[in-house]
Amino acid sequence: MNLSTSSVVNAVPFIIFLFAYQPNIPQTYNELRVKHPDTMASVLTRTNSIALVVFLMVGITGYLIFADRAEEQLIDESRSKNILEADFGNSTLI
């Protein structure tokens, strides 16, 4: 097993998603008026679609707000390739 800092950082969002999302599934199914797998699939499709739209809106808005800084950061070869690195003026925070 190859354990590195980057692999842990990459795995954390998935772990959080799994622990936060999975326990809600049985409760959501029990609260349905019509308990059927097709109804549950419809509920999951709608909620995931709403979440996708919200994430896209946040991402696009953030890019539009900081687009002028994003382009120079993407082109600069001296910058780290870490996508989680945030630029706070003279210092960086990971």
N, C-alpha and C. Protein backbone atom coordinates (compact mmCIF):
# COMPACT_ATOMS: atom_id res chain seq x y z
N MET A 1 0.85 -1.18 0.00
CA MET A 1 0.00 0.00 0.00
C MET A 1 0.89 1.23 0.00
N ASN A 2 0.67 2.10 -0.95
CA ASN A 2 1.45 3.33 -1.07
C ASN A 2 0.67 4.47 -0.43
N LEU A 3 1.06 4.86 0.77
CA LEU A 3 0.38 5.91 1.51
C LEU A 3 1.22 7.17 1.46
N SER A 4 0.64 8.22 0.90
CA SER A 4 1.34 9.50 0.84
C SER A 4 0.37 10.60 1.24
N THR A 5 0.90 11.77 1.47
CA THR A 5 0.07 12.91 1.86
C THR A 5 -0.94 13.23 0.77
N SER A 6 -0.50 13.21 -0.47
CA SER A 6 -1.42 13.55 -1.56
C SER A 6 -2.54 12.52 -1.70
N SER A 7 -2.24 11.24 -1.46
CA SER A 7 -3.30 10.23 -1.56
C SER A 7 -4.31 10.39 -0.43
N VAL A 8 -3.85 10.79 0.75
CA VAL A 8 -4.77 11.03 1.87
C VAL A 8 -5.65 12.24 1.57
N VAL A 9 -5.04 13.31 1.05
CA VAL A 9 -5.79 14.52 0.71
C VAL A 9 -6.82 14.22 -0.37
N ASN A 10 -6.47 13.39 -1.33
CA ASN A 10 -7.42 13.01 -2.38
C ASN A 10 -8.55 12.14 -1.85
N ALA A 11 -8.30 11.34 -0.85
CA ALA A 11 -9.31 10.42 -0.32
C ALA A 11 -10.28 11.08 0.65
N VAL A 12 -9.86 12.13 1.33
CA VAL A 12 -10.70 12.74 2.37
C VAL A 12 -12.07 13.18 1.85
N PRO A 13 -12.19 13.88 0.72
CA PRO A 13 -13.54 14.27 0.26
C PRO A 13 -14.45 13.08 0.01
N PHE A 14 -13.90 11.99 -0.51
CA PHE A 14 -14.72 10.80 -0.75
C PHE A 14 -15.18 10.18 0.56
N ILE A 15 -14.31 10.14 1.53
CA ILE A 15 -14.67 9.57 2.84
C ILE A 15 -15.75 10.41 3.50
N ILE A 16 -15.60 11.71 3.46
CA ILE A 16 -16.60 12.60 4.05
C ILE A 16 -17.94 12.41 3.34
N PHE A 17 -17.91 12.35 2.01
CA PHE A 17 -19.14 12.15 1.25
C PHE A 17 -19.82 10.84 1.64
N LEU A 18 -19.04 9.77 1.73
CA LEU A 18 -19.62 8.47 2.05
C LEU A 18 -20.22 8.43 3.45
N PHE A 19 -19.52 8.99 4.42
CA PHE A 19 -20.04 8.97 5.78
C PHE A 19 -21.22 9.91 5.97
N ALA A 20 -21.26 10.99 5.23
CA ALA A 20 -22.35 11.95 5.38
C ALA A 20 -23.58 11.52 4.59
N TYR A 21 -23.38 10.85 3.47
CA TYR A 21 -24.48 10.55 2.56
C TYR A 21 -25.13 9.20 2.85
N GLN A 22 -24.34 8.20 3.10
CA GLN A 22 -24.86 6.83 3.25
C GLN A 22 -25.87 6.67 4.39
N PRO A 23 -25.64 7.22 5.59
CA PRO A 23 -26.62 7.00 6.67
C PRO A 23 -27.99 7.61 6.40
N ASN A 24 -28.06 8.58 5.49
CA ASN A 24 -29.34 9.22 5.21
C ASN A 24 -30.24 8.41 4.29
N ILE A 25 -29.69 7.47 3.58
CA ILE A 25 -30.46 6.71 2.59
C ILE A 25 -31.60 5.91 3.23
N PRO A 26 -31.35 5.10 4.27
CA PRO A 26 -32.48 4.36 4.87
C PRO A 26 -33.55 5.29 5.47
N GLN A 27 -33.13 6.36 6.10
CA GLN A 27 -34.09 7.30 6.68
C GLN A 27 -34.94 7.95 5.58
N THR A 28 -34.30 8.34 4.49
CA THR A 28 -35.02 8.93 3.37
C THR A 28 -36.02 7.93 2.80
N TYR A 29 -35.61 6.69 2.65
CA TYR A 29 -36.52 5.66 2.11
C TYR A 29 -37.71 5.46 3.04
N ASN A 30 -37.48 5.44 4.36
CA ASN A 30 -38.58 5.25 5.31
C ASN A 30 -39.55 6.41 5.32
N GLU A 31 -39.11 7.61 4.94
CA GLU A 31 -39.98 8.78 4.94
C GLU A 31 -40.77 8.95 3.65
N LEU A 32 -40.52 8.09 2.66
CA LEU A 32 -41.27 8.18 1.41
C LEU A 32 -42.72 7.76 1.62
N ARG A 33 -43.64 8.45 0.94
CA ARG A 33 -45.05 8.04 1.02
C ARG A 33 -45.25 6.72 0.28
N VAL A 34 -44.63 6.61 -0.90
CA VAL A 34 -44.69 5.39 -1.69
C VAL A 34 -43.31 4.76 -1.65
N LYS A 35 -43.17 3.70 -0.87
CA LYS A 35 -41.87 3.04 -0.70
C LYS A 35 -41.63 2.05 -1.85
N HIS A 36 -40.92 2.53 -2.85
CA HIS A 36 -40.62 1.71 -4.00
C HIS A 36 -39.24 2.13 -4.52
N PRO A 37 -38.45 1.18 -5.01
CA PRO A 37 -37.10 1.54 -5.51
C PRO A 37 -37.11 2.62 -6.59
N ASP A 38 -38.15 2.63 -7.44
CA ASP A 38 -38.22 3.66 -8.48
C ASP A 38 -38.42 5.04 -7.88
N THR A 39 -39.22 5.12 -6.82
CA THR A 39 -39.44 6.39 -6.14
C THR A 39 -38.15 6.86 -5.50
N MET A 40 -37.43 5.94 -4.88
CA MET A 40 -36.17 6.29 -4.24
C MET A 40 -35.15 6.75 -5.28
N ALA A 41 -35.11 6.08 -6.41
CA ALA A 41 -34.19 6.48 -7.48
C ALA A 41 -34.52 7.88 -7.98
N SER A 42 -35.80 8.19 -8.06
CA SER A 42 -36.22 9.52 -8.48
C SER A 42 -35.79 10.58 -7.48
N VAL A 43 -35.96 10.29 -6.21
CA VAL A 43 -35.55 11.22 -5.15
C VAL A 43 -34.05 11.44 -5.20
N LEU A 44 -33.27 10.38 -5.32
CA LEU A 44 -31.81 10.50 -5.37
C LEU A 44 -31.36 11.27 -6.62
N THR A 45 -32.01 11.02 -7.74
CA THR A 45 -31.66 11.74 -8.96
C THR A 45 -31.92 13.23 -8.81
N ARG A 46 -33.07 13.57 -8.24
CA ARG A 46 -33.39 15.00 -8.05
C ARG A 46 -32.45 15.67 -7.07
N THR A 47 -32.17 15.01 -5.95
CA THR A 47 -31.30 15.65 -4.95
C THR A 47 -29.87 15.78 -5.47
N ASN A 48 -29.38 14.78 -6.17
CA ASN A 48 -28.03 14.88 -6.74
C ASN A 48 -27.97 15.95 -7.83
N SER A 49 -29.05 16.10 -8.60
CA SER A 49 -29.09 17.14 -9.62
C SER A 49 -29.06 18.53 -8.99
N ILE A 50 -29.81 18.71 -7.91
CA ILE A 50 -29.80 19.99 -7.20
C ILE A 50 -28.41 20.27 -6.65
N ALA A 51 -27.79 19.26 -6.05
CA ALA A 51 -26.44 19.44 -5.51
C ALA A 51 -25.45 19.79 -6.62
N LEU A 52 -25.57 19.14 -7.77
CA LEU A 52 -24.69 19.43 -8.90
C LEU A 52 -24.86 20.88 -9.37
N VAL A 53 -26.10 21.34 -9.48
CA VAL A 53 -26.35 22.72 -9.91
C VAL A 53 -25.76 23.71 -8.91
N VAL A 54 -25.94 23.44 -7.61
CA VAL A 54 -25.39 24.33 -6.59
C VAL A 54 -23.87 24.36 -6.67
N PHE A 55 -23.23 23.20 -6.78
CA PHE A 55 -21.77 23.15 -6.88
C PHE A 55 -21.28 23.89 -8.13
N LEU A 56 -21.96 23.70 -9.25
CA LEU A 56 -21.58 24.41 -10.48
C LEU A 56 -21.73 25.92 -10.32
N MET A 57 -22.83 26.35 -9.70
CA MET A 57 -23.03 27.79 -9.49
C MET A 57 -21.93 28.39 -8.62
N VAL A 58 -21.58 27.69 -7.55
CA VAL A 58 -20.53 28.18 -6.66
C VAL A 58 -19.19 28.21 -7.40
N GLY A 59 -18.88 27.14 -8.13
CA GLY A 59 -17.61 27.08 -8.86
C GLY A 59 -17.50 28.14 -9.93
N ILE A 60 -18.55 28.31 -10.72
CA ILE A 60 -18.53 29.31 -11.78
C ILE A 60 -18.48 30.72 -11.20
N THR A 61 -19.25 30.96 -10.16
CA THR A 61 -19.21 32.28 -9.51
C THR A 61 -17.83 32.58 -8.96
N GLY A 62 -17.23 31.60 -8.29
CA GLY A 62 -15.88 31.80 -7.76
C GLY A 62 -14.87 32.06 -8.85
N TYR A 63 -15.00 31.34 -9.97
CA TYR A 63 -14.08 31.56 -11.08
C TYR A 63 -14.28 32.95 -11.67
N LEU A 64 -15.53 33.37 -11.83
CA LEU A 64 -15.78 34.70 -12.40
C LEU A 64 -15.28 35.81 -11.48
N ILE A 65 -15.41 35.61 -10.18
CA ILE A 65 -14.93 36.63 -9.24
C ILE A 65 -13.41 36.72 -9.26
N PHE A 66 -12.74 35.57 -9.31
CA PHE A 66 -11.28 35.56 -9.22
C PHE A 66 -10.61 35.20 -10.54
N ALA A 67 -11.30 35.37 -11.67
CA ALA A 67 -10.76 34.96 -12.96
C ALA A 67 -9.46 35.67 -13.31
N ASP A 68 -9.34 36.95 -12.96
CA ASP A 68 -8.13 37.68 -13.30
C ASP A 68 -6.91 37.10 -12.58
N ARG A 69 -7.09 36.64 -11.35
CA ARG A 69 -5.98 36.04 -10.60
C ARG A 69 -5.76 34.58 -11.01
N ALA A 70 -6.82 33.90 -11.42
CA ALA A 70 -6.70 32.49 -11.77
C ALA A 70 -5.83 32.29 -13.00
N GLU A 71 -5.98 33.15 -14.00
CA GLU A 71 -5.22 32.99 -15.22
C GLU A 71 -3.72 33.12 -14.97
N GLU A 72 -3.33 34.12 -14.20
CA GLU A 72 -1.89 34.30 -13.93
C GLU A 72 -1.35 33.15 -13.08
N GLN A 73 -2.17 32.59 -12.20
CA GLN A 73 -1.72 31.47 -11.38
C GLN A 73 -1.60 30.20 -12.20
N LEU A 74 -2.46 30.02 -13.19
CA LEU A 74 -2.40 28.82 -14.02
C LEU A 74 -1.21 28.85 -14.97
N ILE A 75 -0.84 30.02 -15.44
CA ILE A 75 0.27 30.16 -16.39
C ILE A 75 1.63 30.12 -15.70
N ASP A 76 1.72 30.61 -14.47
CA ASP A 76 2.99 30.72 -13.75
C ASP A 76 3.57 29.33 -13.48
N GLU A 77 4.73 29.04 -14.07
CA GLU A 77 5.39 27.73 -13.92
C GLU A 77 6.00 27.53 -12.54
N SER A 78 6.28 28.61 -11.82
CA SER A 78 6.92 28.48 -10.51
C SER A 78 5.95 28.06 -9.42
N ARG A 79 4.65 28.10 -9.71
CA ARG A 79 3.65 27.76 -8.70
C ARG A 79 3.55 26.25 -8.53
N SER A 80 3.10 25.87 -7.38
CA SER A 80 2.88 24.46 -7.08
C SER A 80 1.74 23.93 -7.95
N LYS A 81 1.77 22.65 -8.23
CA LYS A 81 0.69 22.01 -9.00
C LYS A 81 -0.42 21.48 -8.09
N ASN A 82 -0.33 21.82 -6.80
CA ASN A 82 -1.33 21.38 -5.83
C ASN A 82 -2.61 22.18 -6.04
N ILE A 83 -3.70 21.50 -6.40
CA ILE A 83 -4.96 22.20 -6.65
C ILE A 83 -5.59 22.73 -5.37
N LEU A 84 -5.15 22.26 -4.21
CA LEU A 84 -5.72 22.73 -2.96
C LEU A 84 -4.98 23.94 -2.39
N GLU A 85 -3.94 24.37 -3.07
CA GLU A 85 -3.17 25.50 -2.57
C GLU A 85 -3.93 26.80 -2.81
N ALA A 86 -4.12 27.56 -1.77
CA ALA A 86 -4.80 28.84 -1.88
C ALA A 86 -3.80 29.97 -1.75
N ASP A 87 -3.95 30.98 -2.57
CA ASP A 87 -3.02 32.10 -2.57
C ASP A 87 -3.62 33.24 -1.74
N PHE A 88 -2.93 33.59 -0.66
CA PHE A 88 -3.34 34.69 0.20
C PHE A 88 -2.26 35.76 0.20
N GLY A 89 -2.08 36.42 -0.93
CA GLY A 89 -1.10 37.48 -1.04
C GLY A 89 0.30 36.91 -1.02
N ASN A 90 1.08 37.22 0.03
CA ASN A 90 2.47 36.78 0.11
C ASN A 90 2.62 35.37 0.69
N SER A 91 1.58 34.83 1.24
CA SER A 91 1.67 33.50 1.84
C SER A 91 0.67 32.56 1.17
N THR A 92 0.90 31.29 1.34
CA THR A 92 -0.04 30.29 0.81
C THR A 92 -0.53 29.42 1.95
N LEU A 93 -1.70 28.89 1.76
CA LEU A 93 -2.30 28.03 2.77
C LEU A 93 -2.81 26.79 2.08
N ILE A 94 -2.47 25.62 2.63
CA ILE A 94 -2.93 24.37 2.05
C ILE A 94 -3.90 23.72 3.02
